[in-house]
C-alpha cells in the first residue's frame, strides 16, 4: 500500500495505543497484523508521527525495559488523546460512509 495520509496514520496510532502502551516497533507490527498485512508503517513515517502526537499532548512516552530486556520508549494515550480518538473515529465513520455512497452511485 502507498503512504498513509498523516491524519489517517495518527488515527491508527491512537487506536492501536487505546488498550495498552506499546513501543514504536510494536505499534507498527500491530497495525500490520490487524490489517492482515495490508498496512505497513515504515520508521520514516511512524517516528515523526509519534513525535508529533507527543508534541500535541495526545500521547506520552517513557523509557522502560522491553520483552527482550532492552530499553525502549513506550507510548500511551493521554486523556486528550483518548478524547481526540473518540472524535476522530466518529469523523472517520461519517467520512467513510459518505465516500461509500458516492462510490456506489451509478
PDB file of N, CA and C in Angstrom:
ATOM      1  N   UNK A   1       0.838  -1.179   0.000  1.00  0.00           N
ATOM      2  CA  UNK A   1       0.000   0.000   0.000  1.00  0.00           C
ATOM      3  C   UNK A   1       0.878   1.236   0.000  1.00  0.00           C
ATOM      4  N   UNK A   2       0.376   2.317  -0.568  1.00  0.00           N
ATOM      5  CA  UNK A   2       1.124   3.564  -0.608  1.00  0.00           C
ATOM      6  C   UNK A   2       1.183   4.219   0.754  1.00  0.00           C
ATOM      7  N   UNK A   3       1.714   5.436   0.775  1.00  0.00           N
ATOM      8  CA  UNK A   3       1.846   6.163   2.032  1.00  0.00           C
ATOM      9  C   UNK A   3       0.476   6.497   2.602  1.00  0.00           C
ATOM     10  N   UNK A   4       0.357   6.366   3.900  1.00  0.00           N
ATOM     11  CA  UNK A   4      -0.866   6.746   4.588  1.00  0.00           C
ATOM     12  C   UNK A   4      -0.887   8.252   4.764  1.00  0.00           C
ATOM     13  N   UNK A   5      -2.047   8.851   4.630  1.00  0.00           N
ATOM     14  CA  UNK A   5      -2.171  10.267   4.924  1.00  0.00           C
ATOM     15  C   UNK A   5      -1.856  10.493   6.399  1.00  0.00           C
ATOM     16  N   UNK A   6      -1.263  11.633   6.687  1.00  0.00           N
ATOM     17  CA  UNK A   6      -0.835  11.931   8.053  1.00  0.00           C
ATOM     18  C   UNK A   6      -1.958  11.753   9.065  1.00  0.00           C
ATOM     19  N   UNK A   7      -3.133  12.304   8.793  1.00  0.00           N
ATOM     20  CA  UNK A   7      -4.248  12.185   9.732  1.00  0.00           C
ATOM     21  C   UNK A   7      -4.693  10.754   9.938  1.00  0.00           C
ATOM     22  N   UNK A   8      -4.634   9.960   8.869  1.00  0.00           N
ATOM     23  CA  UNK A   8      -5.016   8.553   8.965  1.00  0.00           C
ATOM     24  C   UNK A   8      -4.019   7.790   9.815  1.00  0.00           C
ATOM     25  N   UNK A   9      -2.740   8.035   9.611  1.00  0.00           N
ATOM     26  CA  UNK A   9      -1.713   7.369  10.406  1.00  0.00           C
ATOM     27  C   UNK A   9      -1.860   7.743  11.875  1.00  0.00           C
ATOM     28  N   UNK A  10      -2.092   9.012  12.146  1.00  0.00           N
ATOM     29  CA  UNK A  10      -2.284   9.453  13.533  1.00  0.00           C
ATOM     30  C   UNK A  10      -3.452   8.702  14.174  1.00  0.00           C
ATOM     31  N   UNK A  11      -4.549   8.579  13.452  1.00  0.00           N
ATOM     32  CA  UNK A  11      -5.723   7.871  13.962  1.00  0.00           C
ATOM     33  C   UNK A  11      -5.402   6.403  14.233  1.00  0.00           C
ATOM     34  N   UNK A  12      -4.688   5.758  13.321  1.00  0.00           N
ATOM     35  CA  UNK A  12      -4.303   4.356  13.513  1.00  0.00           C
ATOM     36  C   UNK A  12      -3.416   4.188  14.748  1.00  0.00           C
ATOM     37  N   UNK A  13      -2.504   5.108  14.953  1.00  0.00           N
ATOM     38  CA  UNK A  13      -1.617   5.039  16.126  1.00  0.00           C
ATOM     39  C   UNK A  13      -2.441   5.214  17.408  1.00  0.00           C
ATOM     40  N   UNK A  14      -3.306   6.213  17.442  1.00  0.00           N
ATOM     41  CA  UNK A  14      -4.133   6.438  18.637  1.00  0.00           C
ATOM     42  C   UNK A  14      -4.987   5.211  18.942  1.00  0.00           C
ATOM     43  N   UNK A  15      -5.594   4.635  17.909  1.00  0.00           N
ATOM     44  CA  UNK A  15      -6.445   3.457  18.094  1.00  0.00           C
ATOM     45  C   UNK A  15      -5.624   2.274  18.600  1.00  0.00           C
ATOM     46  N   UNK A  16      -4.429   2.110  18.074  1.00  0.00           N
ATOM     47  CA  UNK A  16      -3.553   0.996  18.475  1.00  0.00           C
ATOM     48  C   UNK A  16      -3.122   1.134  19.929  1.00  0.00           C
ATOM     49  N   UNK A  17      -2.939   2.369  20.388  1.00  0.00           N
ATOM     50  CA  UNK A  17      -2.496   2.600  21.768  1.00  0.00           C
ATOM     51  C   UNK A  17      -3.642   2.615  22.776  1.00  0.00           C
ATOM     52  N   UNK A  18      -4.896   2.589  22.301  1.00  0.00           N
ATOM     53  CA  UNK A  18      -6.036   2.696  23.226  1.00  0.00           C
ATOM     54  C   UNK A  18      -6.040   1.617  24.302  1.00  0.00           C
ATOM     55  N   UNK A  19      -5.793   0.331  23.957  1.00  0.00           N
ATOM     56  CA  UNK A  19      -5.869  -0.688  25.008  1.00  0.00           C
ATOM     57  C   UNK A  19      -4.652  -0.736  25.934  1.00  0.00           C
ATOM     58  N   UNK A  20      -3.468  -0.382  25.431  1.00  0.00           N
ATOM     59  CA  UNK A  20      -2.260  -0.513  26.252  1.00  0.00           C
ATOM     60  C   UNK A  20      -1.111   0.291  25.664  1.00  0.00           C
ATOM     61  N   UNK A  21      -0.124   0.588  26.494  1.00  0.00           N
ATOM     62  CA  UNK A  21       1.063   1.278  25.997  1.00  0.00           C
ATOM     63  C   UNK A  21       1.913   0.301  25.191  1.00  0.00           C
ATOM     64  N   UNK A  22       2.627   0.834  24.207  1.00  0.00           N
ATOM     65  CA  UNK A  22       3.442  -0.001  23.336  1.00  0.00           C
ATOM     66  C   UNK A  22       4.668   0.787  22.889  1.00  0.00           C
ATOM     67  N   UNK A  23       5.706   0.059  22.479  1.00  0.00           N
ATOM     68  CA  UNK A  23       6.860   0.725  21.876  1.00  0.00           C
ATOM     69  C   UNK A  23       6.612   0.859  20.378  1.00  0.00           C
ATOM     70  N   UNK A  24       7.412   1.693  19.729  1.00  0.00           N
ATOM     71  CA  UNK A  24       7.192   2.008  18.326  1.00  0.00           C
ATOM     72  C   UNK A  24       7.112   0.800  17.414  1.00  0.00           C
ATOM     73  N   UNK A  25       8.048  -0.117  17.536  1.00  0.00           N
ATOM     74  CA  UNK A  25       8.054  -1.302  16.675  1.00  0.00           C
ATOM     75  C   UNK A  25       6.783  -2.119  16.889  1.00  0.00           C
ATOM     76  N   UNK A  26       6.341  -2.201  18.136  1.00  0.00           N
ATOM     77  CA  UNK A  26       5.122  -2.933  18.451  1.00  0.00           C
ATOM     78  C   UNK A  26       3.892  -2.296  17.818  1.00  0.00           C
ATOM     79  N   UNK A  27       3.862  -0.961  17.782  1.00  0.00           N
ATOM     80  CA  UNK A  27       2.748  -0.249  17.151  1.00  0.00           C
ATOM     81  C   UNK A  27       2.696  -0.600  15.667  1.00  0.00           C
ATOM     82  N   UNK A  28       3.839  -0.518  14.997  1.00  0.00           N
ATOM     83  CA  UNK A  28       3.901  -0.833  13.567  1.00  0.00           C
ATOM     84  C   UNK A  28       3.484  -2.274  13.306  1.00  0.00           C
ATOM     85  N   UNK A  29       3.954  -3.194  14.143  1.00  0.00           N
ATOM     86  CA  UNK A  29       3.619  -4.610  13.975  1.00  0.00           C
ATOM     87  C   UNK A  29       2.124  -4.853  14.179  1.00  0.00           C
ATOM     88  N   UNK A  30       1.534  -4.204  15.184  1.00  0.00           N
ATOM     89  CA  UNK A  30       0.115  -4.381  15.474  1.00  0.00           C
ATOM     90  C   UNK A  30      -0.742  -3.880  14.315  1.00  0.00           C
ATOM     91  N   UNK A  31      -0.400  -2.714  13.762  1.00  0.00           N
ATOM     92  CA  UNK A  31      -1.159  -2.176  12.631  1.00  0.00           C
ATOM     93  C   UNK A  31      -1.069  -3.132  11.441  1.00  0.00           C
ATOM     94  N   UNK A  32       0.127  -3.644  11.189  1.00  0.00           N
ATOM     95  CA  UNK A  32       0.318  -4.578  10.075  1.00  0.00           C
ATOM     96  C   UNK A  32      -0.477  -5.861  10.306  1.00  0.00           C
ATOM     97  N   UNK A  33      -0.434  -6.379  11.526  1.00  0.00           N
ATOM     98  CA  UNK A  33      -1.116  -7.630  11.856  1.00  0.00           C
ATOM     99  C   UNK A  33      -2.637  -7.480  11.753  1.00  0.00           C
ATOM    100  N   UNK A  34      -3.187  -6.442  12.365  1.00  0.00           N
ATOM    101  CA  UNK A  34      -4.635  -6.264  12.369  1.00  0.00           C
ATOM    102  C   UNK A  34      -5.165  -5.994  10.970  1.00  0.00           C
ATOM    103  N   UNK A  35      -4.368  -5.315  10.143  1.00  0.00           N
ATOM    104  CA  UNK A  35      -4.802  -5.011   8.776  1.00  0.00           C
ATOM    105  C   UNK A  35      -4.559  -6.182   7.828  1.00  0.00           C
ATOM    106  N   UNK A  36      -4.173  -7.322   8.371  1.00  0.00           N
ATOM    107  CA  UNK A  36      -3.880  -8.524   7.579  1.00  0.00           C
ATOM    108  C   UNK A  36      -2.823  -8.223   6.524  1.00  0.00           C
ATOM    109  N   UNK A  37      -1.775  -7.523   6.965  1.00  0.00           N
ATOM    110  CA  UNK A  37      -0.600  -7.197   6.155  1.00  0.00           C
ATOM    111  C   UNK A  37      -0.856  -6.116   5.095  1.00  0.00           C
ATOM    112  N   UNK A  38      -2.053  -5.539   5.048  1.00  0.00           N
ATOM    113  CA  UNK A  38      -2.368  -4.534   4.027  1.00  0.00           C
ATOM    114  C   UNK A  38      -1.708  -3.186   4.327  1.00  0.00           C
ATOM    115  N   UNK A  39      -1.535  -2.882   5.606  1.00  0.00           N
ATOM    116  CA  UNK A  39      -0.935  -1.607   6.006  1.00  0.00           C
ATOM    117  C   UNK A  39       0.420  -1.852   6.642  1.00  0.00           C
ATOM    118  N   UNK A  40       1.435  -1.232   6.081  1.00  0.00           N
ATOM    119  CA  UNK A  40       2.777  -1.327   6.648  1.00  0.00           C
ATOM    120  C   UNK A  40       3.274   0.083   6.920  1.00  0.00           C
ATOM    121  N   UNK A  41       3.649   0.319   8.152  1.00  0.00           N
ATOM    122  CA  UNK A  41       4.085   1.649   8.567  1.00  0.00           C
ATOM    123  C   UNK A  41       5.598   1.631   8.729  1.00  0.00           C
ATOM    124  N   UNK A  42       6.283   2.366   7.896  1.00  0.00           N
ATOM    125  CA  UNK A  42       7.743   2.434   7.970  1.00  0.00           C
ATOM    126  C   UNK A  42       8.208   3.366   9.067  1.00  0.00           C
ATOM    127  N   UNK A  43       9.445   3.170   9.515  1.00  0.00           N
ATOM    128  CA  UNK A  43      10.006   4.010  10.575  1.00  0.00           C
ATOM    129  C   UNK A  43      10.035   5.477  10.177  1.00  0.00           C
ATOM    130  N   UNK A  44      10.222   5.735   8.886  1.00  0.00           N
ATOM    131  CA  UNK A  44      10.277   7.114   8.404  1.00  0.00           C
ATOM    132  C   UNK A  44       8.956   7.855   8.533  1.00  0.00           C
ATOM    133  N   UNK A  45       7.868   7.118   8.648  1.00  0.00           N
ATOM    134  CA  UNK A  45       6.546   7.720   8.880  1.00  0.00           C
ATOM    135  C   UNK A  45       6.145   7.616  10.342  1.00  0.00           C
ATOM    136  N   UNK A  46       6.448   6.468  10.952  1.00  0.00           N
ATOM    137  CA  UNK A  46       5.992   6.194  12.314  1.00  0.00           C
ATOM    138  C   UNK A  46       6.577   7.152  13.341  1.00  0.00           C
ATOM    139  N   UNK A  47       7.896   7.265  13.376  1.00  0.00           N
ATOM    140  CA  UNK A  47       8.515   8.046  14.451  1.00  0.00           C
ATOM    141  C   UNK A  47       8.227   9.542  14.358  1.00  0.00           C
ATOM    142  N   UNK A  48       8.182  10.141  13.157  1.00  0.00           N
ATOM    143  CA  UNK A  48       7.731  11.542  13.100  1.00  0.00           C
ATOM    144  C   UNK A  48       6.280  11.701  13.586  1.00  0.00           C
ATOM    145  N   UNK A  49       5.429  10.719  13.276  1.00  0.00           N
ATOM    146  CA  UNK A  49       4.035  10.788  13.737  1.00  0.00           C
ATOM    147  C   UNK A  49       3.974  10.687  15.263  1.00  0.00           C
ATOM    148  N   UNK A  50       4.736   9.764  15.843  1.00  0.00           N
ATOM    149  CA  UNK A  50       4.763   9.637  17.304  1.00  0.00           C
ATOM    150  C   UNK A  50       5.255  10.932  17.948  1.00  0.00           C
ATOM    151  N   UNK A  51       6.287  11.524  17.368  1.00  0.00           N
ATOM    152  CA  UNK A  51       6.836  12.779  17.893  1.00  0.00           C
ATOM    153  C   UNK A  51       5.780  13.884  17.824  1.00  0.00           C
ATOM    154  N   UNK A  52       5.094  13.978  16.698  1.00  0.00           N
ATOM    155  CA  UNK A  52       4.057  14.996  16.507  1.00  0.00           C
ATOM    156  C   UNK A  52       2.910  14.798  17.502  1.00  0.00           C
ATOM    157  N   UNK A  53       2.468  13.549  17.680  1.00  0.00           N
ATOM    158  CA  UNK A  53       1.382  13.267  18.621  1.00  0.00           C
ATOM    159  C   UNK A  53       1.791  13.613  20.054  1.00  0.00           C
ATOM    160  N   UNK A  54       3.056  13.359  20.371  1.00  0.00           N
ATOM    161  CA  UNK A  54       3.533  13.689  21.720  1.00  0.00           C
ATOM    162  C   UNK A  54       3.614  15.205  21.907  1.00  0.00           C
ATOM    163  N   UNK A  55       4.111  15.906  20.906  1.00  0.00           N
ATOM    164  CA  UNK A  55       4.175  17.374  20.986  1.00  0.00           C
ATOM    165  C   UNK A  55       2.783  17.983  21.148  1.00  0.00           C
ATOM    166  N   UNK A  56       1.782  17.345  20.547  1.00  0.00           N
ATOM    167  CA  UNK A  56       0.404  17.844  20.637  1.00  0.00           C
ATOM    168  C   UNK A  56      -0.306  17.383  21.904  1.00  0.00           C
ATOM    169  N   UNK A  57       0.391  16.648  22.761  1.00  0.00           N
ATOM    170  CA  UNK A  57      -0.178  16.245  24.045  1.00  0.00           C
ATOM    171  C   UNK A  57      -1.161  15.089  23.961  1.00  0.00           C
ATOM    172  N   UNK A  58      -1.152  14.361  22.835  1.00  0.00           N
ATOM    173  CA  UNK A  58      -2.101  13.265  22.664  1.00  0.00           C
ATOM    174  C   UNK A  58      -1.550  11.930  23.151  1.00  0.00           C
ATOM    175  N   UNK A  59      -0.224  11.812  23.189  1.00  0.00           N
ATOM    176  CA  UNK A  59       0.410  10.619  23.741  1.00  0.00           C
ATOM    177  C   UNK A  59       1.538  11.049  24.680  1.00  0.00           C
ATOM    178  N   UNK A  60       1.934  10.127  25.513  1.00  0.00           N
ATOM    179  CA  UNK A  60       3.018  10.332  26.481  1.00  0.00           C
ATOM    180  C   UNK A  60       4.011   9.200  26.276  1.00  0.00           C
ATOM    181  N   UNK A  61       5.289   9.466  26.488  1.00  0.00           N
ATOM    182  CA  UNK A  61       6.270   8.386  26.344  1.00  0.00           C
ATOM    183  C   UNK A  61       7.129   8.275  27.591  1.00  0.00           C
ATOM    184  N   UNK A  62       7.621   7.060  27.819  1.00  0.00           N
ATOM    185  CA  UNK A  62       8.574   6.831  28.901  1.00  0.00           C
ATOM    186  C   UNK A  62       9.436   5.631  28.540  1.00  0.00           C
ATOM    187  N   UNK A  63      10.651   5.654  29.033  1.00  0.00           N
ATOM    188  CA  UNK A  63      11.588   4.562  28.776  1.00  0.00           C
ATOM    189  C   UNK A  63      11.335   3.419  29.749  1.00  0.00           C
ATOM    190  N   UNK A  64      11.377   2.200  29.232  1.00  0.00           N
ATOM    191  CA  UNK A  64      11.202   1.009  30.064  1.00  0.00           C
ATOM    192  C   UNK A  64      11.897  -0.159  29.373  1.00  0.00           C
ATOM    193  N   UNK A  65      12.033  -1.259  30.093  1.00  0.00           N
ATOM    194  CA  UNK A  65      12.637  -2.457  29.518  1.00  0.00           C
ATOM    195  C   UNK A  65      11.615  -3.169  28.643  1.00  0.00           C
ATOM    196  N   UNK A  66      12.043  -3.586  27.458  1.00  0.00           N
ATOM    197  CA  UNK A  66      11.158  -4.314  26.554  1.00  0.00           C
ATOM    198  C   UNK A  66      11.183  -5.800  26.905  1.00  0.00           C
ATOM    199  N   UNK A  67      10.443  -6.599  26.148  1.00  0.00           N
ATOM    200  CA  UNK A  67      10.367  -8.038  26.399  1.00  0.00           C
ATOM    201  C   UNK A  67      11.739  -8.702  26.365  1.00  0.00           C
ATOM    202  N   UNK A  68      12.618  -8.195  25.493  1.00  0.00           N
ATOM    203  CA  UNK A  68      13.958  -8.794  25.401  1.00  0.00           C
ATOM    204  C   UNK A  68      14.983  -8.045  26.267  1.00  0.00           C
ATOM    205  N   UNK A  69      14.481  -7.308  27.245  1.00  0.00           N
ATOM    206  CA  UNK A  69      15.299  -6.614  28.251  1.00  0.00           C
ATOM    207  C   UNK A  69      16.132  -5.463  27.694  1.00  0.00           C
ATOM    208  N   UNK A  70      15.744  -4.932  26.561  1.00  0.00           N
ATOM    209  CA  UNK A  70      16.400  -3.735  26.034  1.00  0.00           C
ATOM    210  C   UNK A  70      15.553  -2.528  26.397  1.00  0.00           C
ATOM    211  N   UNK A  71      16.208  -1.374  26.489  1.00  0.00           N
ATOM    212  CA  UNK A  71      15.456  -0.149  26.768  1.00  0.00           C
ATOM    213  C   UNK A  71      14.668   0.253  25.528  1.00  0.00           C
ATOM    214  N   UNK A  72      13.417   0.564  25.724  1.00  0.00           N
ATOM    215  CA  UNK A  72      12.569   1.001  24.622  1.00  0.00           C
ATOM    216  C   UNK A  72      11.658   2.120  25.114  1.00  0.00           C
ATOM    217  N   UNK A  73      11.283   2.987  24.216  1.00  0.00           N
ATOM    218  CA  UNK A  73      10.372   4.068  24.547  1.00  0.00           C
ATOM    219  C   UNK A  73       8.953   3.560  24.351  1.00  0.00           C
ATOM    220  N   UNK A  74       8.179   3.582  25.418  1.00  0.00           N
ATOM    221  CA  UNK A  74       6.786   3.131  25.377  1.00  0.00           C
ATOM    222  C   UNK A  74       5.862   4.338  25.306  1.00  0.00           C
ATOM    223  N   UNK A  75       4.862   4.232  24.456  1.00  0.00           N
ATOM    224  CA  UNK A  75       3.918   5.318  24.235  1.00  0.00           C
ATOM    225  C   UNK A  75       2.546   4.927  24.774  1.00  0.00           C
ATOM    226  N   UNK A  76       1.835   5.889  25.342  1.00  0.00           N
ATOM    227  CA  UNK A  76       0.488   5.647  25.834  1.00  0.00           C
ATOM    228  C   UNK A  76      -0.360   6.889  25.571  1.00  0.00           C
ATOM    229  N   UNK A  77      -1.672   6.682  25.511  1.00  0.00           N
ATOM    230  CA  UNK A  77      -2.589   7.800  25.284  1.00  0.00           C
ATOM    231  C   UNK A  77      -2.719   8.655  26.531  1.00  0.00           C
ATOM    232  N   UNK A  78      -2.839   9.942  26.324  1.00  0.00           N
ATOM    233  CA  UNK A  78      -3.191  10.864  27.403  1.00  0.00           C
ATOM    234  C   UNK A  78      -4.714  11.013  27.396  1.00  0.00           C
ATOM    235  N   UNK A  79      -5.249  11.718  28.367  1.00  0.00           N
ATOM    236  CA  UNK A  79      -6.698  11.981  28.383  1.00  0.00           C
ATOM    237  C   UNK A  79      -7.100  12.730  27.115  1.00  0.00           C
ATOM    238  N   UNK A  80      -6.267  13.686  26.696  1.00  0.00           N
ATOM    239  CA  UNK A  80      -6.554  14.429  25.463  1.00  0.00           C
ATOM    240  C   UNK A  80      -6.508  13.490  24.254  1.00  0.00           C
ATOM    241  N   UNK A  81      -5.607  12.516  24.275  1.00  0.00           N
ATOM    242  CA  UNK A  81      -5.515  11.551  23.188  1.00  0.00           C
ATOM    243  C   UNK A  81      -6.749  10.675  23.103  1.00  0.00           C
ATOM    244  N   UNK A  82      -7.272  10.259  24.243  1.00  0.00           N
ATOM    245  CA  UNK A  82      -8.496   9.440  24.254  1.00  0.00           C
ATOM    246  C   UNK A  82      -9.690  10.241  23.704  1.00  0.00           C
ATOM    247  N   UNK A  83      -9.758  11.507  24.089  1.00  0.00           N
ATOM    248  CA  UNK A  83     -10.840  12.367  23.609  1.00  0.00           C
ATOM    249  C   UNK A  83     -10.713  12.562  22.098  1.00  0.00           C
ATOM    250  N   UNK A  84      -9.497  12.820  21.617  1.00  0.00           N
ATOM    251  CA  UNK A  84      -9.273  13.007  20.181  1.00  0.00           C
ATOM    252  C   UNK A  84      -9.601  11.740  19.410  1.00  0.00           C
ATOM    253  N   UNK A  85      -9.241  10.581  19.954  1.00  0.00           N
ATOM    254  CA  UNK A  85      -9.535   9.314  19.293  1.00  0.00           C
ATOM    255  C   UNK A  85     -11.042   9.163  19.096  1.00  0.00           C
ATOM    256  N   UNK A  86     -11.805   9.443  20.122  1.00  0.00           N
ATOM    257  CA  UNK A  86     -13.265   9.319  20.034  1.00  0.00           C
ATOM    258  C   UNK A  86     -13.822  10.240  18.947  1.00  0.00           C
ATOM    259  N   UNK A  87     -13.364  11.478  18.930  1.00  0.00           N
ATOM    260  CA  UNK A  87     -13.806  12.455  17.931  1.00  0.00           C
ATOM    261  C   UNK A  87     -13.408  12.024  16.525  1.00  0.00           C
ATOM    262  N   UNK A  88     -12.145  11.597  16.371  1.00  0.00           N
ATOM    263  CA  UNK A  88     -11.637  11.208  15.047  1.00  0.00           C
ATOM    264  C   UNK A  88     -12.337   9.952  14.523  1.00  0.00           C
ATOM    265  N   UNK A  89     -12.648   8.994  15.405  1.00  0.00           N
ATOM    266  CA  UNK A  89     -13.355   7.789  14.969  1.00  0.00           C
ATOM    267  C   UNK A  89     -14.744   8.139  14.447  1.00  0.00           C
ATOM    268  N   UNK A  90     -15.430   9.036  15.136  1.00  0.00           N
ATOM    269  CA  UNK A  90     -16.764   9.454  14.692  1.00  0.00           C
ATOM    270  C   UNK A  90     -16.667  10.145  13.337  1.00  0.00           C
ATOM    271  N   UNK A  91     -15.683  11.008  13.169  1.00  0.00           N
ATOM    272  CA  UNK A  91     -15.489  11.709  11.898  1.00  0.00           C
ATOM    273  C   UNK A  91     -15.123  10.727  10.783  1.00  0.00           C
ATOM    274  N   UNK A  92     -14.268   9.752  11.102  1.00  0.00           N
ATOM    275  CA  UNK A  92     -13.870   8.738  10.118  1.00  0.00           C
ATOM    276  C   UNK A  92     -15.091   7.967   9.629  1.00  0.00           C
ATOM    277  N   UNK A  93     -15.963   7.580  10.549  1.00  0.00           N
ATOM    278  CA  UNK A  93     -17.164   6.829  10.167  1.00  0.00           C
ATOM    279  C   UNK A  93     -18.062   7.660   9.250  1.00  0.00           C
ATOM    280  N   UNK A  94     -18.261   8.934   9.599  1.00  0.00           N
ATOM    281  CA  UNK A  94     -19.084   9.808   8.755  1.00  0.00           C
ATOM    282  C   UNK A  94     -18.470   9.942   7.354  1.00  0.00           C
ATOM    283  N   UNK A  95     -17.177  10.188   7.300  1.00  0.00           N
ATOM    284  CA  UNK A  95     -16.498  10.392   6.020  1.00  0.00           C
ATOM    285  C   UNK A  95     -16.497   9.125   5.180  1.00  0.00           C
ATOM    286  N   UNK A  96     -16.179   7.986   5.788  1.00  0.00           N
ATOM    287  CA  UNK A  96     -16.116   6.742   5.016  1.00  0.00           C
ATOM    288  C   UNK A  96     -17.493   6.344   4.510  1.00  0.00           C
ATOM    289  N   UNK A  97     -18.552   6.610   5.276  1.00  0.00           N
ATOM    290  CA  UNK A  97     -19.907   6.327   4.804  1.00  0.00           C
ATOM    291  C   UNK A  97     -20.266   7.226   3.629  1.00  0.00           C
ATOM    292  N   UNK A  98     -19.878   8.483   3.693  1.00  0.00           N
ATOM    293  CA  UNK A  98     -20.159   9.425   2.599  1.00  0.00           C
ATOM    294  C   UNK A  98     -19.407   9.013   1.333  1.00  0.00           C
ATOM    295  N   UNK A  99     -18.149   8.609   1.477  1.00  0.00           N
ATOM    296  CA  UNK A  99     -17.368   8.155   0.319  1.00  0.00           C
ATOM    297  C   UNK A  99     -17.993   6.898  -0.278  1.00  0.00           C
ATOM    298  N   UNK A 100     -18.422   5.965   0.569  1.00  0.00           N
ATOM    299  CA  UNK A 100     -19.056   4.737   0.086  1.00  0.00           C
ATOM    300  C   UNK A 100     -20.299   5.067  -0.711  1.00  0.00           C
ATOM    301  N   UNK A 101     -21.093   6.036  -0.269  1.00  0.00           N
ATOM    302  CA  UNK A 101     -22.298   6.427  -1.000  1.00  0.00           C
ATOM    303  C   UNK A 101     -21.947   6.951  -2.397  1.00  0.00           C
ATOM    304  N   UNK A 102     -20.922   7.786  -2.467  1.00  0.00           N
ATOM    305  CA  UNK A 102     -20.506   8.331  -3.759  1.00  0.00           C
ATOM    306  C   UNK A 102     -20.002   7.225  -4.675  1.00  0.00           C
ATOM    307  N   UNK A 103     -19.226   6.296  -4.146  1.00  0.00           N
ATOM    308  CA  UNK A 103     -18.673   5.215  -4.964  1.00  0.00           C
ATOM    309  C   UNK A 103     -19.749   4.244  -5.434  1.00  0.00           C
ATOM    310  N   UNK A 104     -20.825   4.110  -4.685  1.00  0.00           N
ATOM    311  CA  UNK A 104     -21.917   3.198  -5.072  1.00  0.00           C
ATOM    312  C   UNK A 104     -22.816   3.817  -6.135  1.00  0.00           C
ATOM    313  N   UNK A 105     -22.785   5.125  -6.240  1.00  0.00           N
ATOM    314  CA  UNK A 105     -23.681   5.821  -7.168  1.00  0.00           C
ATOM    315  C   UNK A 105     -23.404   5.407  -8.609  1.00  0.00           C
ATOM    316  N   UNK A 106     -24.492   5.186  -9.361  1.00  0.00           N
ATOM    317  CA  UNK A 106     -24.386   4.945 -10.797  1.00  0.00           C
ATOM    318  C   UNK A 106     -24.192   3.534 -11.150  1.00  0.00           C
TER     319      UNK A 106
END
